[in-house]
């Protein structure tokens, strides 16, 4: 079978399959889903931070020379500040089009202002997920161009790695006011970034190699910003010991699961997953 066809098929599998598997969360009855949703937010915080600090950032630094460390760190900083500005613009636009009172005195933390913040968080998670999926597509294509069997295993590892994160994404989008259909649609749409990354890598992998670490850094900055600026503050609304311990446990569970899956994926991919290995193979 043509290698490009394989790359398209398995990047679609790695991206869309993980979304559909995580989408089973949407099949829960509304009452049960509402009960699970706050726990999903806690889990999402751990998953997002683990993906950023355990996966994306270390991988980005592995791909650059020491003299590029500062510029790569600067990309993360600029990314976080840019997402702050973007969120401000999204909230401002929504407030002016719907006449909310987000800019008036005494912001109602349970009211419209909070709703606007959640809607902006939903938009940011889609953007960040699309960037992350694009990078996954590039890496899957690199594995296929090294060895077909490695490419197949890598795409399955990516799908397994993405499922817990996608569950968290669904929880965030539902909290942001998205309907189940819209949450599924936008997650599937973002997952197609995997296919786009795979196809682009097939035709221009060598050109993408230099910019790949900066894509990783930008994706990590979006996940860090969402977790720290939008999700963690929402957990402070309940301060009783039982709820706090549940929140901490679920955050740690999100971190542990992502780190475990990342370790498994790393062991599978280590023999040829990187772009450099493809270049050496081509030579």
C-alpha atoms as a PDB file:
ATOM      1  CA  UNK A   1       0.000   0.000   0.000  1.00  0.00           C
ATOM      2  CA  UNK A   2       1.195   3.535  -0.780  1.00  0.00           C
ATOM      3  CA  UNK A   3       3.040   5.067   2.169  1.00  0.00           C
ATOM      4  CA  UNK A   4       1.076   8.327   1.964  1.00  0.00           C
ATOM      5  CA  UNK A   5      -2.204   6.391   2.180  1.00  0.00           C
ATOM      6  CA  UNK A   6      -0.895   4.576   5.264  1.00  0.00           C
ATOM      7  CA  UNK A   7       0.111   7.860   6.887  1.00  0.00           C
ATOM      8  CA  UNK A   8      -3.317   9.401   6.209  1.00  0.00           C
ATOM      9  CA  UNK A   9      -5.125   6.306   7.504  1.00  0.00           C
ATOM     10  CA  UNK A  10      -3.129   5.959  10.705  1.00  0.00           C
ATOM     11  CA  UNK A  11      -2.932   9.667  11.554  1.00  0.00           C
ATOM     12  CA  UNK A  12      -6.731   9.680  11.237  1.00  0.00           C
ATOM     13  CA  UNK A  13      -6.796   6.599  13.459  1.00  0.00           C
ATOM     14  CA  UNK A  14      -4.480   8.203  16.026  1.00  0.00           C
ATOM     15  CA  UNK A  15      -6.459  11.435  16.137  1.00  0.00           C
ATOM     16  CA  UNK A  16     -10.119  10.659  15.455  1.00  0.00           C
ATOM     17  CA  UNK A  17     -10.200   7.271  17.216  1.00  0.00           C
ATOM     18  CA  UNK A  18      -9.023   8.807  20.487  1.00  0.00           C
ATOM     19  CA  UNK A  19     -11.740  11.491  20.240  1.00  0.00           C
ATOM     20  CA  UNK A  20     -14.469   8.930  19.537  1.00  0.00           C
ATOM     21  CA  UNK A  21     -13.271   6.717  22.396  1.00  0.00           C
ATOM     22  CA  UNK A  22     -13.271   9.684  24.763  1.00  0.00           C
ATOM     23  CA  UNK A  23     -16.670  10.688  23.340  1.00  0.00           C
ATOM     24  CA  UNK A  24     -18.225   7.752  25.191  1.00  0.00           C
ATOM     25  CA  UNK A  25     -18.230  10.206  28.100  1.00  0.00           C
ATOM     26  CA  UNK A  26     -20.985  12.085  26.260  1.00  0.00           C
ATOM     27  CA  UNK A  27     -23.236   9.003  26.309  1.00  0.00           C
ATOM     28  CA  UNK A  28     -23.679   9.242  30.067  1.00  0.00           C
ATOM     29  CA  UNK A  29     -27.113  10.490  31.191  1.00  0.00           C
ATOM     30  CA  UNK A  30     -27.111  14.230  31.830  1.00  0.00           C
ATOM     31  CA  UNK A  31     -27.460  13.894  35.607  1.00  0.00           C
ATOM     32  CA  UNK A  32     -24.544  11.476  35.844  1.00  0.00           C
ATOM     33  CA  UNK A  33     -22.487  13.597  33.460  1.00  0.00           C
ATOM     34  CA  UNK A  34     -23.100  16.698  35.587  1.00  0.00           C
ATOM     35  CA  UNK A  35     -21.941  14.772  38.647  1.00  0.00           C
ATOM     36  CA  UNK A  36     -18.845  13.524  36.837  1.00  0.00           C
ATOM     37  CA  UNK A  37     -18.023  16.883  35.198  1.00  0.00           C
ATOM     38  CA  UNK A  38     -16.363  18.590  38.214  1.00  0.00           C
ATOM     39  CA  UNK A  39     -14.197  15.502  38.689  1.00  0.00           C
ATOM     40  CA  UNK A  40     -13.349  15.608  34.990  1.00  0.00           C
ATOM     41  CA  UNK A  41     -12.120  19.180  35.383  1.00  0.00           C
ATOM     42  CA  UNK A  42      -9.737  18.129  38.159  1.00  0.00           C
ATOM     43  CA  UNK A  43      -8.513  15.211  36.067  1.00  0.00           C
ATOM     44  CA  UNK A  44      -8.084  17.535  33.062  1.00  0.00           C
ATOM     45  CA  UNK A  45      -5.838  19.865  35.066  1.00  0.00           C
ATOM     46  CA  UNK A  46      -3.463  17.027  35.875  1.00  0.00           C
ATOM     47  CA  UNK A  47      -3.578  15.684  32.321  1.00  0.00           C
ATOM     48  CA  UNK A  48      -2.933  19.065  30.688  1.00  0.00           C
ATOM     49  CA  UNK A  49      -0.030  19.929  32.987  1.00  0.00           C
ATOM     50  CA  UNK A  50       1.500  16.471  32.569  1.00  0.00           C
ATOM     51  CA  UNK A  51       1.237  16.632  28.779  1.00  0.00           C
ATOM     52  CA  UNK A  52       2.921  20.048  28.856  1.00  0.00           C
ATOM     53  CA  UNK A  53       5.706  19.436  31.391  1.00  0.00           C
ATOM     54  CA  UNK A  54       6.294  15.698  30.960  1.00  0.00           C
ATOM     55  CA  UNK A  55       5.792  15.390  27.236  1.00  0.00           C
ATOM     56  CA  UNK A  56       5.799  18.503  25.060  1.00  0.00           C
ATOM     57  CA  UNK A  57       8.419  20.695  26.743  1.00  0.00           C
ATOM     58  CA  UNK A  58      11.096  17.988  27.268  1.00  0.00           C
ATOM     59  CA  UNK A  59      10.591  16.770  23.699  1.00  0.00           C
ATOM     60  CA  UNK A  60      10.928  20.327  22.396  1.00  0.00           C
ATOM     61  CA  UNK A  61      14.241  20.845  24.212  1.00  0.00           C
ATOM     62  CA  UNK A  62      15.558  17.497  22.981  1.00  0.00           C
ATOM     63  CA  UNK A  63      15.157  18.728  19.404  1.00  0.00           C
ATOM     64  CA  UNK A  64      17.203  21.953  19.737  1.00  0.00           C
ATOM     65  CA  UNK A  65      20.790  22.917  20.517  1.00  0.00           C
ATOM     66  CA  UNK A  66      21.674  24.479  23.904  1.00  0.00           C
ATOM     67  CA  UNK A  67      22.027  27.931  22.341  1.00  0.00           C
ATOM     68  CA  UNK A  68      18.324  27.735  21.362  1.00  0.00           C
ATOM     69  CA  UNK A  69      17.097  27.009  24.892  1.00  0.00           C
ATOM     70  CA  UNK A  70      16.425  30.666  25.639  1.00  0.00           C
ATOM     71  CA  UNK A  71      14.443  31.281  22.464  1.00  0.00           C
ATOM     72  CA  UNK A  72      12.433  28.114  23.090  1.00  0.00           C
ATOM     73  CA  UNK A  73      11.688  29.201  26.672  1.00  0.00           C
ATOM     74  CA  UNK A  74      10.757  32.595  25.293  1.00  0.00           C
ATOM     75  CA  UNK A  75       8.272  30.916  22.945  1.00  0.00           C
ATOM     76  CA  UNK A  76       6.544  29.315  25.942  1.00  0.00           C
ATOM     77  CA  UNK A  77       6.426  32.701  27.704  1.00  0.00           C
ATOM     78  CA  UNK A  78       5.121  34.505  24.611  1.00  0.00           C
ATOM     79  CA  UNK A  79       2.572  31.718  24.115  1.00  0.00           C
ATOM     80  CA  UNK A  80       1.189  32.066  27.655  1.00  0.00           C
ATOM     81  CA  UNK A  81       0.950  35.857  27.337  1.00  0.00           C
ATOM     82  CA  UNK A  82      -0.618  35.535  23.875  1.00  0.00           C
ATOM     83  CA  UNK A  83      -3.288  33.169  25.143  1.00  0.00           C
ATOM     84  CA  UNK A  84      -4.025  35.625  27.955  1.00  0.00           C
ATOM     85  CA  UNK A  85      -4.526  38.408  25.398  1.00  0.00           C
ATOM     86  CA  UNK A  86      -6.587  36.115  23.170  1.00  0.00           C
ATOM     87  CA  UNK A  87      -8.823  35.140  26.074  1.00  0.00           C
ATOM     88  CA  UNK A  88      -9.277  38.810  26.974  1.00  0.00           C
ATOM     89  CA  UNK A  89     -10.345  39.550  23.406  1.00  0.00           C
ATOM     90  CA  UNK A  90     -12.761  36.598  23.367  1.00  0.00           C
ATOM     91  CA  UNK A  91     -14.365  37.667  26.653  1.00  0.00           C
ATOM     92  CA  UNK A  92     -14.486  41.318  25.527  1.00  0.00           C
ATOM     93  CA  UNK A  93     -16.120  40.378  22.217  1.00  0.00           C
ATOM     94  CA  UNK A  94     -18.693  38.157  23.891  1.00  0.00           C
ATOM     95  CA  UNK A  95     -19.533  40.782  26.500  1.00  0.00           C
ATOM     96  CA  UNK A  96     -20.051  43.533  23.945  1.00  0.00           C
ATOM     97  CA  UNK A  97     -22.190  41.369  21.684  1.00  0.00           C
ATOM     98  CA  UNK A  98     -24.346  40.085  24.546  1.00  0.00           C
ATOM     99  CA  UNK A  99     -24.335  43.135  26.863  1.00  0.00           C
ATOM    100  CA  UNK A 100     -23.004  41.246  29.830  1.00  0.00           C
ATOM    101  CA  UNK A 101     -21.811  42.984  32.952  1.00  0.00           C
ATOM    102  CA  UNK A 102     -18.326  41.489  33.056  1.00  0.00           C
ATOM    103  CA  UNK A 103     -16.745  44.950  33.168  1.00  0.00           C
ATOM    104  CA  UNK A 104     -19.065  46.407  35.788  1.00  0.00           C
ATOM    105  CA  UNK A 105     -18.387  46.672  39.497  1.00  0.00           C
ATOM    106  CA  UNK A 106     -18.747  43.626  41.654  1.00  0.00           C
ATOM    107  CA  UNK A 107     -18.256  40.909  39.094  1.00  0.00           C
ATOM    108  CA  UNK A 108     -20.568  38.017  39.835  1.00  0.00           C
ATOM    109  CA  UNK A 109     -18.239  35.026  40.068  1.00  0.00           C
ATOM    110  CA  UNK A 110     -21.200  32.693  39.626  1.00  0.00           C
ATOM    111  CA  UNK A 111     -22.777  34.709  36.814  1.00  0.00           C
ATOM    112  CA  UNK A 112     -22.059  36.030  33.371  1.00  0.00           C
ATOM    113  CA  UNK A 113     -18.411  36.879  33.916  1.00  0.00           C
ATOM    114  CA  UNK A 114     -17.641  33.322  34.942  1.00  0.00           C
ATOM    115  CA  UNK A 115     -19.602  32.012  31.962  1.00  0.00           C
ATOM    116  CA  UNK A 116     -17.587  34.176  29.581  1.00  0.00           C
ATOM    117  CA  UNK A 117     -14.308  32.924  31.067  1.00  0.00           C
ATOM    118  CA  UNK A 118     -15.436  29.324  30.562  1.00  0.00           C
ATOM    119  CA  UNK A 119     -16.441  29.996  26.947  1.00  0.00           C
ATOM    120  CA  UNK A 120     -13.022  31.500  26.260  1.00  0.00           C
ATOM    121  CA  UNK A 121     -11.366  28.478  27.900  1.00  0.00           C
ATOM    122  CA  UNK A 122     -13.310  26.223  25.534  1.00  0.00           C
ATOM    123  CA  UNK A 123     -12.012  28.133  22.518  1.00  0.00           C
ATOM    124  CA  UNK A 124      -8.436  27.989  23.795  1.00  0.00           C
ATOM    125  CA  UNK A 125      -8.562  24.241  24.449  1.00  0.00           C
ATOM    126  CA  UNK A 126      -9.626  23.626  20.839  1.00  0.00           C
ATOM    127  CA  UNK A 127      -6.771  25.792  19.517  1.00  0.00           C
ATOM    128  CA  UNK A 128      -4.193  24.142  21.766  1.00  0.00           C
ATOM    129  CA  UNK A 129      -5.472  20.668  20.950  1.00  0.00           C
ATOM    130  CA  UNK A 130      -5.297  21.364  17.202  1.00  0.00           C
ATOM    131  CA  UNK A 131      -1.630  22.432  17.537  1.00  0.00           C
ATOM    132  CA  UNK A 132      -0.829  19.369  19.649  1.00  0.00           C
ATOM    133  CA  UNK A 133      -2.561  17.058  17.158  1.00  0.00           C
ATOM    134  CA  UNK A 134      -0.660  18.639  14.268  1.00  0.00           C
ATOM    135  CA  UNK A 135       2.610  17.825  16.024  1.00  0.00           C
ATOM    136  CA  UNK A 136       1.411  14.254  16.676  1.00  0.00           C
ATOM    137  CA  UNK A 137       0.754  13.914  12.947  1.00  0.00           C
ATOM    138  CA  UNK A 138       4.280  15.047  12.113  1.00  0.00           C
ATOM    139  CA  UNK A 139       5.748  12.523  14.556  1.00  0.00           C
ATOM    140  CA  UNK A 140       3.572   9.654  13.261  1.00  0.00           C
ATOM    141  CA  UNK A 141       4.630  10.438   9.684  1.00  0.00           C
ATOM    142  CA  UNK A 142       8.283  10.509  10.767  1.00  0.00           C
ATOM    143  CA  UNK A 143       7.871   7.030  12.269  1.00  0.00           C
ATOM    144  CA  UNK A 144       6.245   5.682   9.089  1.00  0.00           C
ATOM    145  CA  UNK A 145       8.996   7.157   6.940  1.00  0.00           C
ATOM    146  CA  UNK A 146      11.476   5.305   9.138  1.00  0.00           C
ATOM    147  CA  UNK A 147       9.652   1.970   9.285  1.00  0.00           C
ATOM    148  CA  UNK A 148       6.043   1.010   8.493  1.00  0.00           C
ATOM    149  CA  UNK A 149       5.681  -1.279  11.518  1.00  0.00           C
ATOM    150  CA  UNK A 150       7.038   1.463  13.775  1.00  0.00           C
ATOM    151  CA  UNK A 151       4.544   3.901  12.259  1.00  0.00           C
ATOM    152  CA  UNK A 152       1.605   1.596  13.008  1.00  0.00           C
ATOM    153  CA  UNK A 153       2.668   1.030  16.605  1.00  0.00           C
ATOM    154  CA  UNK A 154       3.361   4.748  17.080  1.00  0.00           C
ATOM    155  CA  UNK A 155      -0.092   5.778  15.827  1.00  0.00           C
ATOM    156  CA  UNK A 156      -1.729   3.341  18.258  1.00  0.00           C
ATOM    157  CA  UNK A 157       0.442   4.690  21.081  1.00  0.00           C
ATOM    158  CA  UNK A 158      -0.606   8.249  20.203  1.00  0.00           C
ATOM    159  CA  UNK A 159      -4.289   7.221  20.256  1.00  0.00           C
ATOM    160  CA  UNK A 160      -3.900   5.623  23.693  1.00  0.00           C
ATOM    161  CA  UNK A 161      -1.978   8.645  24.950  1.00  0.00           C
ATOM    162  CA  UNK A 162      -4.664  11.069  23.726  1.00  0.00           C
ATOM    163  CA  UNK A 163      -7.783   9.364  25.149  1.00  0.00           C
ATOM    164  CA  UNK A 164      -7.470  10.583  28.772  1.00  0.00           C
ATOM    165  CA  UNK A 165      -6.620  14.084  27.566  1.00  0.00           C
ATOM    166  CA  UNK A 166      -9.626  14.112  25.214  1.00  0.00           C
ATOM    167  CA  UNK A 167     -11.916  13.113  28.100  1.00  0.00           C
ATOM    168  CA  UNK A 168     -10.638  16.161  29.939  1.00  0.00           C
ATOM    169  CA  UNK A 169     -11.198  18.300  26.833  1.00  0.00           C
ATOM    170  CA  UNK A 170     -14.823  17.169  26.629  1.00  0.00           C
ATOM    171  CA  UNK A 171     -15.299  18.058  30.281  1.00  0.00           C
ATOM    172  CA  UNK A 172     -13.874  21.546  29.676  1.00  0.00           C
ATOM    173  CA  UNK A 173     -16.017  22.148  26.573  1.00  0.00           C
ATOM    174  CA  UNK A 174     -19.202  21.026  28.338  1.00  0.00           C
ATOM    175  CA  UNK A 175     -18.372  23.297  31.262  1.00  0.00           C
ATOM    176  CA  UNK A 176     -17.790  26.087  28.722  1.00  0.00           C
ATOM    177  CA  UNK A 177     -21.381  25.800  27.530  1.00  0.00           C
ATOM    178  CA  UNK A 178     -20.879  23.668  24.427  1.00  0.00           C
ATOM    179  CA  UNK A 179     -23.610  21.150  23.588  1.00  0.00           C
ATOM    180  CA  UNK A 180     -22.636  17.500  23.308  1.00  0.00           C
ATOM    181  CA  UNK A 181     -22.852  17.662  19.515  1.00  0.00           C
ATOM    182  CA  UNK A 182     -20.704  20.799  19.300  1.00  0.00           C
ATOM    183  CA  UNK A 183     -18.151  19.413  21.750  1.00  0.00           C
ATOM    184  CA  UNK A 184     -17.831  16.254  19.657  1.00  0.00           C
ATOM    185  CA  UNK A 185     -17.734  18.197  16.377  1.00  0.00           C
ATOM    186  CA  UNK A 186     -14.976  20.602  17.462  1.00  0.00           C
ATOM    187  CA  UNK A 187     -12.912  17.820  19.021  1.00  0.00           C
ATOM    188  CA  UNK A 188     -13.118  15.774  15.821  1.00  0.00           C
ATOM    189  CA  UNK A 189     -12.255  18.909  13.819  1.00  0.00           C
ATOM    190  CA  UNK A 190      -9.198  19.560  16.005  1.00  0.00           C
ATOM    191  CA  UNK A 191      -8.209  15.905  15.694  1.00  0.00           C
ATOM    192  CA  UNK A 192      -7.940  16.324  11.916  1.00  0.00           C
ATOM    193  CA  UNK A 193      -4.845  18.395  12.669  1.00  0.00           C
ATOM    194  CA  UNK A 194      -3.132  15.013  13.080  1.00  0.00           C
ATOM    195  CA  UNK A 195      -3.893  14.171   9.451  1.00  0.00           C
ATOM    196  CA  UNK A 196      -2.758  17.637   8.289  1.00  0.00           C
ATOM    197  CA  UNK A 197       0.518  17.270  10.182  1.00  0.00           C
ATOM    198  CA  UNK A 198       1.106  13.796   8.754  1.00  0.00           C
ATOM    199  CA  UNK A 199       0.470  14.826   5.145  1.00  0.00           C
ATOM    200  CA  UNK A 200       2.573  17.979   5.439  1.00  0.00           C
ATOM    201  CA  UNK A 201       5.399  16.007   7.043  1.00  0.00           C
ATOM    202  CA  UNK A 202       5.331  13.461   4.233  1.00  0.00           C
ATOM    203  CA  UNK A 203       6.052  16.176   1.677  1.00  0.00           C
ATOM    204  CA  UNK A 204       8.281  18.495   3.718  1.00  0.00           C
ATOM    205  CA  UNK A 205       9.530  16.717   6.831  1.00  0.00           C
ATOM    206  CA  UNK A 206      13.025  18.131   6.544  1.00  0.00           C
ATOM    207  CA  UNK A 207      11.693  21.714   6.373  1.00  0.00           C
ATOM    208  CA  UNK A 208       9.423  21.168   9.388  1.00  0.00           C
ATOM    209  CA  UNK A 209      12.200  19.786  11.546  1.00  0.00           C
ATOM    210  CA  UNK A 210      13.532  23.189  12.609  1.00  0.00           C
ATOM    211  CA  UNK A 211      10.103  24.615  13.511  1.00  0.00           C
ATOM    212  CA  UNK A 212       8.734  21.501  15.241  1.00  0.00           C
ATOM    213  CA  UNK A 213      10.148  22.355  18.706  1.00  0.00           C
ATOM    214  CA  UNK A 214       8.434  25.746  18.565  1.00  0.00           C
ATOM    215  CA  UNK A 215       5.093  24.104  17.723  1.00  0.00           C
ATOM    216  CA  UNK A 216       5.612  21.879  20.762  1.00  0.00           C
ATOM    217  CA  UNK A 217       6.428  24.894  22.939  1.00  0.00           C
ATOM    218  CA  UNK A 218       3.345  26.780  21.739  1.00  0.00           C
ATOM    219  CA  UNK A 219       1.066  23.793  22.374  1.00  0.00           C
ATOM    220  CA  UNK A 220       2.524  23.412  25.879  1.00  0.00           C
ATOM    221  CA  UNK A 221       1.934  27.093  26.673  1.00  0.00           C
ATOM    222  CA  UNK A 222      -1.753  26.772  25.756  1.00  0.00           C
ATOM    223  CA  UNK A 223      -2.206  23.766  28.059  1.00  0.00           C
ATOM    224  CA  UNK A 224      -0.357  25.448  30.941  1.00  0.00           C
ATOM    225  CA  UNK A 225      -2.406  28.626  30.584  1.00  0.00           C
ATOM    226  CA  UNK A 226      -5.747  26.797  30.451  1.00  0.00           C
ATOM    227  CA  UNK A 227      -4.928  24.651  33.487  1.00  0.00           C
ATOM    228  CA  UNK A 228      -3.531  27.461  35.642  1.00  0.00           C
ATOM    229  CA  UNK A 229      -5.619  30.469  34.593  1.00  0.00           C
ATOM    230  CA  UNK A 230      -9.015  28.938  33.789  1.00  0.00           C
ATOM    231  CA  UNK A 231      -9.419  25.588  35.516  1.00  0.00           C
ATOM    232  CA  UNK A 232      -7.548  25.750  38.824  1.00  0.00           C
ATOM    233  CA  UNK A 233      -9.421  28.910  40.008  1.00  0.00           C
ATOM    234  CA  UNK A 234     -12.745  27.089  39.518  1.00  0.00           C
ATOM    235  CA  UNK A 235     -11.653  24.444  42.045  1.00  0.00           C
ATOM    236  CA  UNK A 236     -11.326  27.050  44.800  1.00  0.00           C
ATOM    237  CA  UNK A 237     -15.102  27.563  44.943  1.00  0.00           C
ATOM    238  CA  UNK A 238     -15.402  24.512  47.191  1.00  0.00           C
ATOM    239  CA  UNK A 239     -13.002  24.455  50.107  1.00  0.00           C
ATOM    240  CA  UNK A 240     -14.235  21.591  52.304  1.00  0.00           C
ATOM    241  CA  UNK A 241     -11.647  18.948  53.091  1.00  0.00           C
ATOM    242  CA  UNK A 242     -13.433  16.072  51.344  1.00  0.00           C
ATOM    243  CA  UNK A 243     -13.825  17.940  48.046  1.00  0.00           C
ATOM    244  CA  UNK A 244     -10.276  19.305  48.227  1.00  0.00           C
ATOM    245  CA  UNK A 245      -8.825  15.823  48.730  1.00  0.00           C
ATOM    246  CA  UNK A 246     -10.882  14.534  45.802  1.00  0.00           C
ATOM    247  CA  UNK A 247      -9.603  17.357  43.613  1.00  0.00           C
ATOM    248  CA  UNK A 248      -5.973  16.722  44.555  1.00  0.00           C
ATOM    249  CA  UNK A 249      -6.355  12.964  44.037  1.00  0.00           C
ATOM    250  CA  UNK A 250      -7.884  13.416  40.580  1.00  0.00           C
ATOM    251  CA  UNK A 251      -5.230  15.939  39.536  1.00  0.00           C
ATOM    252  CA  UNK A 252      -2.551  13.448  40.573  1.00  0.00           C
ATOM    253  CA  UNK A 253      -4.427  10.671  38.750  1.00  0.00           C
ATOM    254  CA  UNK A 254      -4.395  12.765  35.573  1.00  0.00           C
ATOM    255  CA  UNK A 255      -0.665  13.377  35.946  1.00  0.00           C
ATOM    256  CA  UNK A 256       0.093   9.728  36.711  1.00  0.00           C
ATOM    257  CA  UNK A 257      -1.915   8.338  33.799  1.00  0.00           C
ATOM    258  CA  UNK A 258      -0.406  10.714  31.239  1.00  0.00           C
ATOM    259  CA  UNK A 259       3.117  10.095  32.525  1.00  0.00           C
ATOM    260  CA  UNK A 260       2.585   6.325  32.452  1.00  0.00           C
ATOM    261  CA  UNK A 261       1.204   6.358  28.906  1.00  0.00           C
ATOM    262  CA  UNK A 262       3.934   8.716  27.787  1.00  0.00           C
ATOM    263  CA  UNK A 263       6.549   6.356  29.216  1.00  0.00           C
ATOM    264  CA  UNK A 264       5.045   3.403  27.351  1.00  0.00           C
ATOM    265  CA  UNK A 265       4.853   5.418  24.127  1.00  0.00           C
ATOM    266  CA  UNK A 266       8.448   6.580  24.577  1.00  0.00           C
ATOM    267  CA  UNK A 267       9.676   3.009  24.993  1.00  0.00           C
ATOM    268  CA  UNK A 268       7.861   2.014  21.802  1.00  0.00           C
ATOM    269  CA  UNK A 269       8.955   5.028  19.786  1.00  0.00           C
ATOM    270  CA  UNK A 270      12.562   5.383  20.947  1.00  0.00           C
ATOM    271  CA  UNK A 271      14.077   3.348  18.107  1.00  0.00           C
ATOM    272  CA  UNK A 272      13.019   5.702  15.346  1.00  0.00           C
ATOM    273  CA  UNK A 273      10.299   8.130  16.275  1.00  0.00           C
ATOM    274  CA  UNK A 274      12.229  11.330  15.838  1.00  0.00           C
ATOM    275  CA  UNK A 275      12.644  13.333  12.667  1.00  0.00           C
ATOM    276  CA  UNK A 276      16.404  12.953  12.932  1.00  0.00           C
ATOM    277  CA  UNK A 277      16.128   9.170  12.694  1.00  0.00           C
ATOM    278  CA  UNK A 278      14.170   9.558   9.466  1.00  0.00           C
ATOM    279  CA  UNK A 279      16.876  11.809   8.068  1.00  0.00           C
ATOM    280  CA  UNK A 280      19.568   9.286   8.934  1.00  0.00           C
ATOM    281  CA  UNK A 281      17.492   6.505   7.392  1.00  0.00           C
ATOM    282  CA  UNK A 282      17.070   8.523   4.200  1.00  0.00           C
ATOM    283  CA  UNK A 283      20.781   9.033   3.926  1.00  0.00           C
END
